[in-house]
């Protein structure tokens, strides 16, 4: 079982990393579910999925039926065990993909059913479903709650050169401690670790590896290709990160 959440500030490359790791794990024989939990919803392109599924939050009737109010109470444990089969798609390397969508805020009325539905879904897939789950998260971790995080093996924070990225990592670490995520690691993208690694070490966040700037990755994006289908130094670096990630998770399991 491998359950990973990947986060970081916008533009650092976390979605590209999420999709590439998902494809790599699938090629190693894992039954992979990749979940787009970011408001930008770009995971499909990094997976090579041409026709991404409709976001779960678009299915308002389903959410109301499963998590709506009954007898003055919202259902906080709605049925979600059929969601992947009904609303997911299967992409290259047989990676299953699902898009969560965003919970509306402000003058749209109470969206408690949608929040309850999404949290119940995440809790189910992280604790019970499939052998590998990759969550492409927002910089915040609002989708997560204590019931979900019990099943997450590792949260990976993608950082790049610059203090804003480090500040985001610090905020994520503080938030994660509040919901019992204890295993954190970082990936350094678009640069070297010389100026970044000391800051991460101060925060107590180990580094899984570095990813260089790669012009082939830019070309792949322009052509609408998944990075893993193009190859190059970027993908080679992610292969090394994937191996370090799996080794780290094995170490965690030995400790417990």
Protein backbone atom coordinates (compact mmCIF):
# COMPACT_ATOMS: atom_id res chain seq x y z
CA UNK A 1 0.00 0.00 0.00
CA UNK A 2 1.30 3.45 -0.96
CA UNK A 3 -0.81 6.51 -0.07
CA UNK A 4 0.78 9.86 -0.98
CA UNK A 5 -0.43 13.46 -0.79
CA UNK A 6 1.54 16.00 -2.86
CA UNK A 7 1.29 19.71 -2.16
CA UNK A 8 3.15 23.02 -2.53
CA UNK A 9 2.48 26.56 -3.65
CA UNK A 10 1.07 27.16 -7.11
CA UNK A 11 3.45 26.73 -10.04
CA UNK A 12 6.11 24.63 -8.32
CA UNK A 13 5.39 21.51 -10.38
CA UNK A 14 3.45 19.40 -7.91
CA UNK A 15 0.82 18.36 -10.46
CA UNK A 16 3.47 17.26 -12.97
CA UNK A 17 5.19 15.28 -10.22
CA UNK A 18 1.88 13.73 -9.12
CA UNK A 19 1.02 12.47 -12.59
CA UNK A 20 4.50 11.14 -13.27
CA UNK A 21 4.72 9.28 -9.95
CA UNK A 22 1.29 7.76 -10.55
CA UNK A 23 2.36 6.39 -13.95
CA UNK A 24 5.64 5.08 -12.54
CA UNK A 25 3.92 3.24 -9.69
CA UNK A 26 1.44 1.72 -12.15
CA UNK A 27 4.33 0.42 -14.26
CA UNK A 28 5.67 -1.28 -11.12
CA UNK A 29 2.43 -3.18 -10.72
CA UNK A 30 0.51 -0.97 -8.30
CA UNK A 31 -3.23 -0.50 -8.75
CA UNK A 32 -3.09 3.31 -8.88
CA UNK A 33 -5.81 5.85 -8.23
CA UNK A 34 -4.77 9.45 -8.99
CA UNK A 35 -7.04 12.10 -7.47
CA UNK A 36 -7.06 15.71 -8.61
CA UNK A 37 -7.85 17.66 -5.43
CA UNK A 38 -6.44 20.96 -6.67
CA UNK A 39 -8.71 23.84 -7.66
CA UNK A 40 -6.81 24.23 -10.97
CA UNK A 41 -7.64 20.63 -11.98
CA UNK A 42 -4.67 20.02 -14.32
CA UNK A 43 -3.70 16.49 -13.28
CA UNK A 44 -5.14 14.92 -16.45
CA UNK A 45 -2.49 16.48 -18.70
CA UNK A 46 0.41 15.19 -16.59
CA UNK A 47 -1.13 11.70 -16.64
CA UNK A 48 -1.77 11.78 -20.38
CA UNK A 49 -5.56 11.55 -19.92
CA UNK A 50 -7.21 13.18 -22.94
CA UNK A 51 -10.79 13.19 -21.61
CA UNK A 52 -10.73 13.87 -17.85
CA UNK A 53 -13.77 13.00 -15.73
CA UNK A 54 -16.29 15.57 -14.61
CA UNK A 55 -15.55 16.93 -11.11
CA UNK A 56 -17.47 15.22 -8.33
CA UNK A 57 -18.78 18.54 -7.05
CA UNK A 58 -20.69 18.98 -10.33
CA UNK A 59 -22.99 16.13 -9.32
CA UNK A 60 -25.08 18.18 -6.93
CA UNK A 61 -28.07 15.82 -6.96
CA UNK A 62 -25.83 12.90 -6.04
CA UNK A 63 -24.21 14.87 -3.21
CA UNK A 64 -27.59 15.96 -1.89
CA UNK A 65 -28.88 12.39 -2.05
CA UNK A 66 -25.82 10.90 -0.35
CA UNK A 67 -24.89 13.64 2.14
CA UNK A 68 -27.86 15.98 2.32
CA UNK A 69 -29.93 16.85 5.34
CA UNK A 70 -32.13 14.21 6.94
CA UNK A 71 -34.12 14.85 10.07
CA UNK A 72 -32.30 18.12 10.63
CA UNK A 73 -28.84 16.48 10.43
CA UNK A 74 -26.32 16.22 7.61
CA UNK A 75 -25.05 12.74 6.78
CA UNK A 76 -21.37 12.81 7.64
CA UNK A 77 -20.72 9.22 6.49
CA UNK A 78 -22.36 9.07 3.05
CA UNK A 79 -22.02 6.09 0.74
CA UNK A 80 -18.91 6.56 -1.43
CA UNK A 81 -17.60 3.06 -2.19
CA UNK A 82 -18.97 3.13 -5.76
CA UNK A 83 -17.64 6.58 -6.71
CA UNK A 84 -14.38 5.56 -8.43
CA UNK A 85 -16.09 3.03 -10.70
CA UNK A 86 -18.96 5.37 -11.58
CA UNK A 87 -17.17 8.69 -11.97
CA UNK A 88 -13.51 7.90 -12.66
CA UNK A 89 -11.71 7.24 -15.93
CA UNK A 90 -8.88 4.88 -16.79
CA UNK A 91 -5.83 6.47 -18.40
CA UNK A 92 -2.43 5.32 -19.70
CA UNK A 93 -0.77 2.46 -17.79
CA UNK A 94 -4.27 1.71 -16.37
CA UNK A 95 -4.06 4.56 -13.87
CA UNK A 96 -7.54 5.37 -12.59
CA UNK A 97 -8.23 9.09 -12.28
CA UNK A 98 -10.87 11.09 -10.46
CA UNK A 99 -11.43 14.86 -10.10
CA UNK A 100 -12.84 16.14 -6.82
CA UNK A 101 -13.70 19.71 -7.81
CA UNK A 102 -14.11 22.69 -5.50
CA UNK A 103 -16.57 23.38 -2.73
CA UNK A 104 -18.45 26.61 -3.36
CA UNK A 105 -18.19 29.32 -0.75
CA UNK A 106 -19.88 32.60 -0.04
CA UNK A 107 -23.48 33.40 -1.08
CA UNK A 108 -24.27 29.90 -2.39
CA UNK A 109 -25.80 28.67 0.85
CA UNK A 110 -24.52 25.93 3.11
CA UNK A 111 -22.22 23.47 1.35
CA UNK A 112 -21.82 21.13 4.32
CA UNK A 113 -23.08 18.14 2.27
CA UNK A 114 -20.38 18.68 -0.38
CA UNK A 115 -17.63 18.94 2.22
CA UNK A 116 -18.90 15.85 4.03
CA UNK A 117 -19.13 13.94 0.76
CA UNK A 118 -15.58 14.78 -0.36
CA UNK A 119 -14.06 14.00 3.03
CA UNK A 120 -15.91 10.70 3.22
CA UNK A 121 -14.68 9.83 -0.27
CA UNK A 122 -11.06 10.62 0.58
CA UNK A 123 -11.31 8.71 3.83
CA UNK A 124 -12.59 5.67 1.96
CA UNK A 125 -9.95 5.63 -0.79
CA UNK A 126 -7.07 6.32 1.58
CA UNK A 127 -8.08 3.76 4.18
CA UNK A 128 -9.70 1.04 2.09
CA UNK A 129 -9.47 1.41 -1.66
CA UNK A 130 -6.76 0.30 -4.13
CA UNK A 131 -3.05 -0.29 -3.49
CA UNK A 132 -1.70 3.17 -4.39
CA UNK A 133 -3.34 6.58 -4.08
CA UNK A 134 -1.75 9.80 -5.30
CA UNK A 135 -3.47 13.00 -4.13
CA UNK A 136 -2.62 16.15 -6.05
CA UNK A 137 -3.47 18.73 -3.36
CA UNK A 138 -3.81 22.48 -3.11
CA UNK A 139 -1.19 24.44 -1.16
CA UNK A 140 -3.62 24.25 1.74
CA UNK A 141 -4.79 20.91 3.06
CA UNK A 142 -8.43 21.81 3.70
CA UNK A 143 -9.69 18.63 2.03
CA UNK A 144 -8.01 16.55 4.70
CA UNK A 145 -9.22 15.69 8.18
CA UNK A 146 -8.05 13.40 10.94
CA UNK A 147 -10.08 10.48 9.61
CA UNK A 148 -8.29 10.70 6.28
CA UNK A 149 -4.75 11.33 7.41
CA UNK A 150 -4.52 8.10 9.38
CA UNK A 151 -4.08 6.34 6.05
CA UNK A 152 -1.61 8.70 4.35
CA UNK A 153 1.92 7.29 4.33
CA UNK A 154 3.71 10.44 3.25
CA UNK A 155 2.99 14.06 2.38
CA UNK A 156 5.41 15.44 -0.20
CA UNK A 157 5.92 19.20 -0.37
CA UNK A 158 7.27 20.42 -3.72
CA UNK A 159 9.47 23.50 -3.34
CA UNK A 160 11.49 25.68 -5.71
CA UNK A 161 14.20 28.32 -5.19
CA UNK A 162 12.76 31.23 -3.22
CA UNK A 163 11.60 32.03 0.28
CA UNK A 164 7.92 32.04 -0.64
CA UNK A 165 8.15 28.35 -1.38
CA UNK A 166 9.89 27.75 1.97
CA UNK A 167 7.22 29.78 3.77
CA UNK A 168 4.55 27.61 2.14
CA UNK A 169 6.40 24.49 3.29
CA UNK A 170 6.49 25.84 6.84
CA UNK A 171 2.76 26.58 6.78
CA UNK A 172 1.98 23.12 5.41
CA UNK A 173 4.08 21.52 8.15
CA UNK A 174 2.22 23.48 10.82
CA UNK A 175 -1.17 22.56 9.35
CA UNK A 176 -0.20 18.91 8.98
CA UNK A 177 0.75 18.64 12.64
CA UNK A 178 -2.77 19.76 13.52
CA UNK A 179 -4.30 16.76 11.74
CA UNK A 180 -1.71 14.17 12.72
CA UNK A 181 0.31 13.95 9.49
CA UNK A 182 3.72 13.01 10.83
CA UNK A 183 5.59 11.87 7.74
CA UNK A 184 6.68 14.78 5.56
CA UNK A 185 9.31 15.05 2.84
CA UNK A 186 10.24 17.60 0.20
CA UNK A 187 11.15 17.55 -3.48
CA UNK A 188 13.18 20.44 -4.85
CA UNK A 189 12.13 21.42 -8.37
CA UNK A 190 13.67 23.85 -10.88
CA UNK A 191 16.95 24.33 -9.08
CA UNK A 192 19.65 23.00 -6.80
CA UNK A 193 19.40 22.38 -3.09
CA UNK A 194 22.28 24.64 -2.00
CA UNK A 195 20.10 27.51 -0.77
CA UNK A 196 16.95 25.54 -0.03
CA UNK A 197 18.01 22.39 1.79
CA UNK A 198 19.28 24.17 4.95
CA UNK A 199 15.88 25.83 5.38
CA UNK A 200 14.10 22.50 4.99
CA UNK A 201 16.48 20.86 7.44
CA UNK A 202 15.63 23.58 9.98
CA UNK A 203 11.98 22.70 9.53
CA UNK A 204 12.78 19.00 10.01
CA UNK A 205 11.68 18.10 6.46
CA UNK A 206 13.92 15.56 4.68
CA UNK A 207 14.59 15.96 0.94
CA UNK A 208 13.72 13.06 -1.40
CA UNK A 209 15.63 14.55 -4.31
CA UNK A 210 16.08 17.39 -6.78
CA UNK A 211 14.56 17.88 -10.23
CA UNK A 212 16.50 20.00 -12.73
CA UNK A 213 14.98 22.50 -15.13
CA UNK A 214 14.41 20.52 -18.33
CA UNK A 215 13.54 22.08 -21.70
CA UNK A 216 12.12 18.74 -22.87
CA UNK A 217 9.45 19.07 -20.19
CA UNK A 218 8.45 22.44 -21.62
CA UNK A 219 8.26 20.94 -25.11
CA UNK A 220 6.11 18.09 -23.81
CA UNK A 221 3.69 20.60 -22.30
CA UNK A 222 3.36 22.51 -25.58
CA UNK A 223 2.69 19.26 -27.42
CA UNK A 224 0.12 18.10 -24.86
CA UNK A 225 2.21 15.08 -23.88
CA UNK A 226 2.68 13.56 -20.45
CA UNK A 227 6.30 13.97 -19.24
CA UNK A 228 6.76 10.23 -18.74
CA UNK A 229 5.96 9.66 -22.41
CA UNK A 230 8.75 12.05 -23.43
CA UNK A 231 11.52 11.12 -21.00
CA UNK A 232 14.63 13.17 -20.36
CA UNK A 233 16.55 14.36 -17.27
CA UNK A 234 13.35 15.48 -15.48
CA UNK A 235 11.80 12.03 -15.67
CA UNK A 236 15.10 10.37 -14.71
CA UNK A 237 15.19 12.52 -11.56
CA UNK A 238 11.61 11.59 -10.68
CA UNK A 239 12.52 7.91 -11.04
CA UNK A 240 15.16 8.40 -8.35
CA UNK A 241 12.67 10.31 -6.18
CA UNK A 242 10.13 7.49 -6.56
CA UNK A 243 12.70 4.95 -5.37
CA UNK A 244 13.65 7.14 -2.39
CA UNK A 245 9.97 7.65 -1.58
CA UNK A 246 9.24 3.92 -1.51
CA UNK A 247 12.33 3.28 0.63
CA UNK A 248 11.25 5.99 3.08
CA UNK A 249 7.77 4.49 3.38
CA UNK A 250 9.28 1.08 4.05
CA UNK A 251 11.38 2.61 6.84
CA UNK A 252 8.25 4.18 8.35
CA UNK A 253 6.55 0.79 8.31
CA UNK A 254 9.51 -0.83 10.08
CA UNK A 255 9.39 1.80 12.80
CA UNK A 256 5.74 1.10 13.49
